[in-house]
């Protein structure tokens, strides 16, 4: 794949991974439109590393505060709101981690048809609209309970189905449980850090091939542009989501799903 196309896909990966619009739908459609083959596992590893680096940079202060509070709670200290948030992130990561170990390969092969991705893009987009329209949107992040984390974590496991959107389904669950849009987005983004870290580690484990010297420049560009696009996307999303709402993303998802159904009919 040409360097320009790799950069375009890296930017799209960085943006769509965190907007509730499904990165799977975009990454299966765009290479077809550009007349290029599937980007492959090496691209996924680099794009995820770029996104993970950007998320750690953006939430550096949050991670530091939560990490220290969580550490104190582990050794017997008082579990304040930040420590509880750290526990909730870990607890909500368990369902997708366990399920991913057992069914990831099956899902990635049996459920990766464009038609399934299109239907999931539409259905989970409509679920996002429902939760945004009907949710109370009054609960702040520091008022989350253990049950909320468990339910959001179980919802996140659905993201193993391509087209669901990890960020979309976790925000859907959080909004349905009464979290504000900003709180739902922040928890979804914090939750992405261990999930992307685990996914990157698994991909690196599966990637048991040498890398040709001439590819290092392309791989570095993928990491860089995926990271930049992720950082900009997360910043913009958190700034405007309370005013914009989820409806524009729902409309986009439905249109994208219908386009996929038409294109691959």
Protein backbone atom coordinates (compact mmCIF):
# COMPACT_ATOMS: atom_id res chain seq x y z
CA UNK A 1 0.00 0.00 0.00
CA UNK A 2 1.33 3.47 -0.88
CA UNK A 3 2.54 5.75 1.91
CA UNK A 4 -0.16 8.34 1.22
CA UNK A 5 -2.92 5.74 1.54
CA UNK A 6 -1.42 4.43 4.77
CA UNK A 7 -1.40 7.95 6.24
CA UNK A 8 -5.03 8.51 5.20
CA UNK A 9 -6.06 5.24 6.82
CA UNK A 10 -4.05 6.05 9.96
CA UNK A 11 -5.86 9.37 10.32
CA UNK A 12 -9.23 7.72 9.77
CA UNK A 13 -8.38 4.98 12.27
CA UNK A 14 -7.38 7.55 14.88
CA UNK A 15 -10.62 9.49 14.43
CA UNK A 16 -13.13 6.68 14.01
CA UNK A 17 -11.70 4.61 16.88
CA UNK A 18 -12.99 7.20 19.35
CA UNK A 19 -15.95 8.80 17.65
CA UNK A 20 -19.06 6.60 18.03
CA UNK A 21 -19.16 5.76 14.32
CA UNK A 22 -17.32 2.40 14.01
CA UNK A 23 -13.76 2.19 12.76
CA UNK A 24 -14.41 -1.30 11.31
CA UNK A 25 -16.96 0.02 8.84
CA UNK A 26 -14.55 2.66 7.58
CA UNK A 27 -11.49 0.45 7.38
CA UNK A 28 -13.28 -2.18 5.31
CA UNK A 29 -14.91 0.33 2.97
CA UNK A 30 -12.11 2.81 2.28
CA UNK A 31 -9.46 0.37 0.98
CA UNK A 32 -12.06 -0.93 -1.48
CA UNK A 33 -12.79 2.60 -2.69
CA UNK A 34 -9.07 3.34 -3.00
CA UNK A 35 -8.44 0.07 -4.83
CA UNK A 36 -6.03 -1.11 -2.14
CA UNK A 37 -5.76 -4.43 -0.23
CA UNK A 38 -6.61 -4.80 3.44
CA UNK A 39 -4.10 -2.87 5.54
CA UNK A 40 -3.07 -5.92 7.57
CA UNK A 41 -2.05 -6.64 11.15
CA UNK A 42 1.12 -4.53 11.10
CA UNK A 43 -0.95 -1.45 10.31
CA UNK A 44 -3.33 -2.27 13.17
CA UNK A 45 -0.43 -2.58 15.63
CA UNK A 46 1.06 0.78 14.65
CA UNK A 47 -2.28 2.59 14.53
CA UNK A 48 -3.21 1.27 17.97
CA UNK A 49 0.17 2.25 19.39
CA UNK A 50 -0.31 5.77 18.03
CA UNK A 51 -3.81 6.02 19.49
CA UNK A 52 -2.69 4.59 22.84
CA UNK A 53 0.16 7.09 23.08
CA UNK A 54 -2.20 9.97 22.32
CA UNK A 55 -4.73 8.84 24.92
CA UNK A 56 -2.06 8.48 27.59
CA UNK A 57 -0.79 11.97 26.75
CA UNK A 58 -4.24 13.56 26.75
CA UNK A 59 -5.34 11.92 30.00
CA UNK A 60 -1.92 12.09 31.65
CA UNK A 61 -3.16 14.07 34.67
CA UNK A 62 -6.25 11.88 35.10
CA UNK A 63 -4.18 8.71 34.83
CA UNK A 64 -1.69 10.04 37.39
CA UNK A 65 -4.36 11.05 39.91
CA UNK A 66 -6.43 7.89 39.43
CA UNK A 67 -3.34 5.69 39.52
CA UNK A 68 -2.05 7.14 42.80
CA UNK A 69 -5.49 6.97 44.43
CA UNK A 70 -5.99 3.41 43.21
CA UNK A 71 -2.57 2.40 44.48
CA UNK A 72 -3.33 3.78 47.94
CA UNK A 73 -6.62 1.85 48.00
CA UNK A 74 -4.79 -1.37 47.13
CA UNK A 75 -2.48 -1.09 50.14
CA UNK A 76 -5.32 -0.36 52.52
CA UNK A 77 -6.00 3.32 52.12
CA UNK A 78 -9.41 4.96 51.78
CA UNK A 79 -10.98 4.39 48.37
CA UNK A 80 -11.99 7.90 47.32
CA UNK A 81 -13.87 8.76 44.10
CA UNK A 82 -10.70 8.62 41.99
CA UNK A 83 -9.66 5.25 43.40
CA UNK A 84 -13.13 3.88 42.72
CA UNK A 85 -12.91 5.19 39.15
CA UNK A 86 -9.65 3.27 38.72
CA UNK A 87 -11.31 0.10 39.99
CA UNK A 88 -14.30 0.69 37.70
CA UNK A 89 -12.05 1.02 34.63
CA UNK A 90 -10.33 -2.27 35.50
CA UNK A 91 -13.61 -4.05 36.25
CA UNK A 92 -15.22 -2.81 33.04
CA UNK A 93 -12.23 -4.14 31.08
CA UNK A 94 -12.65 -7.71 32.33
CA UNK A 95 -15.64 -8.81 30.14
CA UNK A 96 -14.10 -7.79 26.82
CA UNK A 97 -10.71 -9.15 27.88
CA UNK A 98 -12.06 -12.57 28.80
CA UNK A 99 -14.43 -12.82 25.85
CA UNK A 100 -11.74 -11.62 23.48
CA UNK A 101 -9.41 -14.42 24.50
CA UNK A 102 -11.97 -17.08 23.60
CA UNK A 103 -13.94 -15.73 20.64
CA UNK A 104 -11.81 -13.01 19.07
CA UNK A 105 -10.59 -15.16 16.17
CA UNK A 106 -14.06 -16.58 15.54
CA UNK A 107 -15.71 -13.18 15.57
CA UNK A 108 -13.04 -11.62 13.35
CA UNK A 109 -13.59 -14.28 10.69
CA UNK A 110 -17.27 -15.26 10.98
CA UNK A 111 -18.67 -11.78 11.70
CA UNK A 112 -16.49 -9.66 9.45
CA UNK A 113 -18.69 -9.66 6.36
CA UNK A 114 -19.63 -6.19 5.08
CA UNK A 115 -23.32 -6.99 5.55
CA UNK A 116 -22.91 -7.80 9.27
CA UNK A 117 -20.77 -4.70 9.76
CA UNK A 118 -23.42 -2.60 8.00
CA UNK A 119 -26.29 -3.98 10.09
CA UNK A 120 -24.33 -3.55 13.34
CA UNK A 121 -23.42 0.01 12.34
CA UNK A 122 -27.10 0.87 11.85
CA UNK A 123 -28.59 -1.00 14.82
CA UNK A 124 -26.07 0.17 17.39
CA UNK A 125 -26.32 3.68 15.95
CA UNK A 126 -30.06 3.66 16.63
CA UNK A 127 -29.36 2.34 20.15
CA UNK A 128 -27.02 5.31 20.67
CA UNK A 129 -29.78 7.69 19.57
CA UNK A 130 -32.26 6.06 21.96
CA UNK A 131 -29.95 6.25 24.97
CA UNK A 132 -29.03 9.87 24.23
CA UNK A 133 -32.67 10.88 23.78
CA UNK A 134 -34.10 8.91 26.72
CA UNK A 135 -31.25 8.92 29.22
CA UNK A 136 -31.51 11.32 32.17
CA UNK A 137 -27.99 12.67 31.58
CA UNK A 138 -27.65 13.92 35.17
CA UNK A 139 -25.04 11.58 36.67
CA UNK A 140 -21.45 12.84 36.95
CA UNK A 141 -18.45 10.58 36.59
CA UNK A 142 -17.69 10.60 40.32
CA UNK A 143 -21.20 9.31 41.10
CA UNK A 144 -20.78 6.06 39.19
CA UNK A 145 -21.51 2.81 41.02
CA UNK A 146 -20.02 -0.65 40.69
CA UNK A 147 -23.09 -1.90 38.85
CA UNK A 148 -22.68 0.84 36.25
CA UNK A 149 -19.11 -0.25 35.55
CA UNK A 150 -20.15 -3.89 35.20
CA UNK A 151 -22.95 -3.05 32.76
CA UNK A 152 -20.76 -0.74 30.68
CA UNK A 153 -18.06 -3.42 30.64
CA UNK A 154 -20.54 -6.03 29.42
CA UNK A 155 -21.72 -3.62 26.73
CA UNK A 156 -18.11 -3.06 25.68
CA UNK A 157 -17.75 -6.78 25.02
CA UNK A 158 -20.30 -6.36 22.21
CA UNK A 159 -17.70 -4.26 20.40
CA UNK A 160 -15.99 -7.51 19.39
CA UNK A 161 -18.69 -7.60 16.70
CA UNK A 162 -17.27 -5.46 13.86
CA UNK A 163 -19.40 -2.40 13.18
CA UNK A 164 -20.55 -1.99 16.77
CA UNK A 165 -18.00 0.70 17.73
CA UNK A 166 -16.32 0.30 21.11
CA UNK A 167 -16.68 3.97 21.97
CA UNK A 168 -20.24 4.02 20.64
CA UNK A 169 -21.51 1.04 22.63
CA UNK A 170 -19.85 2.14 25.89
CA UNK A 171 -21.30 5.65 25.53
CA UNK A 172 -24.68 4.11 24.74
CA UNK A 173 -24.62 2.08 27.95
CA UNK A 174 -23.33 5.02 30.01
CA UNK A 175 -26.00 7.39 28.69
CA UNK A 176 -28.72 4.80 29.29
CA UNK A 177 -27.51 4.59 32.91
CA UNK A 178 -27.97 8.34 33.33
CA UNK A 179 -24.43 9.70 32.85
CA UNK A 180 -24.00 13.07 31.21
CA UNK A 181 -22.61 13.13 27.69
CA UNK A 182 -19.22 14.39 28.86
CA UNK A 183 -19.05 11.83 31.69
CA UNK A 184 -20.03 9.01 29.30
CA UNK A 185 -17.38 10.12 26.81
CA UNK A 186 -14.63 10.50 29.41
CA UNK A 187 -15.29 7.09 30.92
CA UNK A 188 -15.36 5.54 27.44
CA UNK A 189 -12.04 7.17 26.60
CA UNK A 190 -10.41 6.17 29.89
CA UNK A 191 -11.71 2.65 29.33
CA UNK A 192 -10.06 2.59 25.91
CA UNK A 193 -6.56 2.79 27.41
CA UNK A 194 -6.38 -0.72 28.93
CA UNK A 195 -8.45 -2.15 26.05
CA UNK A 196 -6.17 -0.74 23.37
CA UNK A 197 -3.15 -1.75 25.44
CA UNK A 198 -4.36 -5.35 25.65
CA UNK A 199 -5.29 -5.40 21.95
CA UNK A 200 -1.86 -4.03 20.99
CA UNK A 201 -0.10 -6.63 23.15
CA UNK A 202 -2.13 -9.43 21.56
CA UNK A 203 -1.45 -8.12 18.05
CA UNK A 204 2.28 -7.85 18.79
CA UNK A 205 2.22 -11.44 20.05
CA UNK A 206 0.58 -12.60 16.82
CA UNK A 207 2.95 -10.54 14.69
CA UNK A 208 5.81 -13.04 14.57
CA UNK A 209 7.46 -11.80 11.41
CA UNK A 210 10.44 -9.58 10.73
CA UNK A 211 9.97 -6.03 9.48
CA UNK A 212 11.79 -4.99 6.33
CA UNK A 213 14.08 -1.97 6.91
CA UNK A 214 12.35 0.11 4.22
CA UNK A 215 9.03 -0.14 6.09
CA UNK A 216 10.15 1.64 9.25
CA UNK A 217 9.45 5.10 7.84
CA UNK A 218 5.91 4.12 6.86
CA UNK A 219 5.30 2.51 10.25
CA UNK A 220 6.53 5.62 12.04
CA UNK A 221 4.18 7.78 9.97
CA UNK A 222 1.25 5.51 10.85
CA UNK A 223 2.02 5.86 14.58
CA UNK A 224 2.45 9.63 14.24
CA UNK A 225 -0.68 10.39 12.23
CA UNK A 226 -2.88 7.97 14.16
CA UNK A 227 -1.68 9.62 17.37
CA UNK A 228 -2.24 13.19 16.15
CA UNK A 229 -5.70 12.44 14.78
CA UNK A 230 -6.66 10.65 18.00
CA UNK A 231 -5.56 13.56 20.18
CA UNK A 232 -7.37 16.17 18.07
CA UNK A 233 -10.50 13.99 17.87
CA UNK A 234 -10.72 13.41 21.62
CA UNK A 235 -10.11 17.09 22.40
CA UNK A 236 -12.77 18.29 19.95
CA UNK A 237 -15.29 15.64 20.97
CA UNK A 238 -15.10 16.49 24.67
CA UNK A 239 -15.34 20.21 23.93
CA UNK A 240 -18.49 20.04 21.84
CA UNK A 241 -20.41 16.83 22.68
CA UNK A 242 -22.59 18.42 25.37
CA UNK A 243 -23.88 20.92 22.80
CA UNK A 244 -23.89 18.80 19.66
CA UNK A 245 -25.34 15.58 21.11
CA UNK A 246 -25.23 12.17 19.48
CA UNK A 247 -27.75 12.70 16.67
CA UNK A 248 -25.18 13.77 14.00
CA UNK A 249 -23.21 10.57 14.65
CA UNK A 250 -26.38 8.48 14.54
CA UNK A 251 -27.37 9.95 11.18
CA UNK A 252 -23.86 9.36 9.88
CA UNK A 253 -23.87 5.74 11.10
CA UNK A 254 -27.21 4.96 9.47
CA UNK A 255 -26.09 6.54 6.19
CA UNK A 256 -22.78 4.65 6.31
CA UNK A 257 -24.53 1.36 7.04
CA UNK A 258 -26.93 1.86 4.14
CA UNK A 259 -23.98 2.71 1.88
CA UNK A 260 -22.25 -0.51 2.90
CA UNK A 261 -25.38 -2.56 2.23
CA UNK A 262 -25.76 -0.94 -1.20
CA UNK A 263 -22.06 -1.17 -2.14
CA UNK A 264 -21.69 -4.83 -1.14
CA UNK A 265 -25.12 -5.99 -2.28
